[in-house]
Amino acid sequence: MLERERLIEIVIAIPAVATMIVAMTYIGSTYETGSGDLGGQGGEMLVGAIIGFIFLMVAVGVALAFLTNDPTDGLEDDSASSDAETETA
C-alpha cells in the first residue's frame, strides 16, 4: 500500500497533468490550419498554455509542501539550526 503523502501527490498531480493535456488538445483542434500545423496564433496559445502549466505545477508543489509536511519531523525546529550555528562559531 502506498503512503499517505504519496497518495496525496498522485491525487493532486493527475488532474493538473490532465488539465494540460486537455488544454493542448483544445488548442490543437481549435487553431489547426488546413495543412495540419498550428499557425502563429495557435503557437502563441500553446506557449501560453505551457507557461500556465509551469505556474500551475509551482502552485501544486507549494500546496503539496504544506499538505505533506509533518510538524513532528523537526524540519521547522529553529533550535536545530541555531545549534548548528553555535557549533561552527
Foldseek 3Di string as FASTA:
>chain_A
DDDPLVVVLVVLVVVLVVVLVVQLVVLQVPQADPVRDRPDVSVVSNVVSVVVSVVVVVVVVVVSCVVPDDPPPCPPPPVVVVVVVVVVD
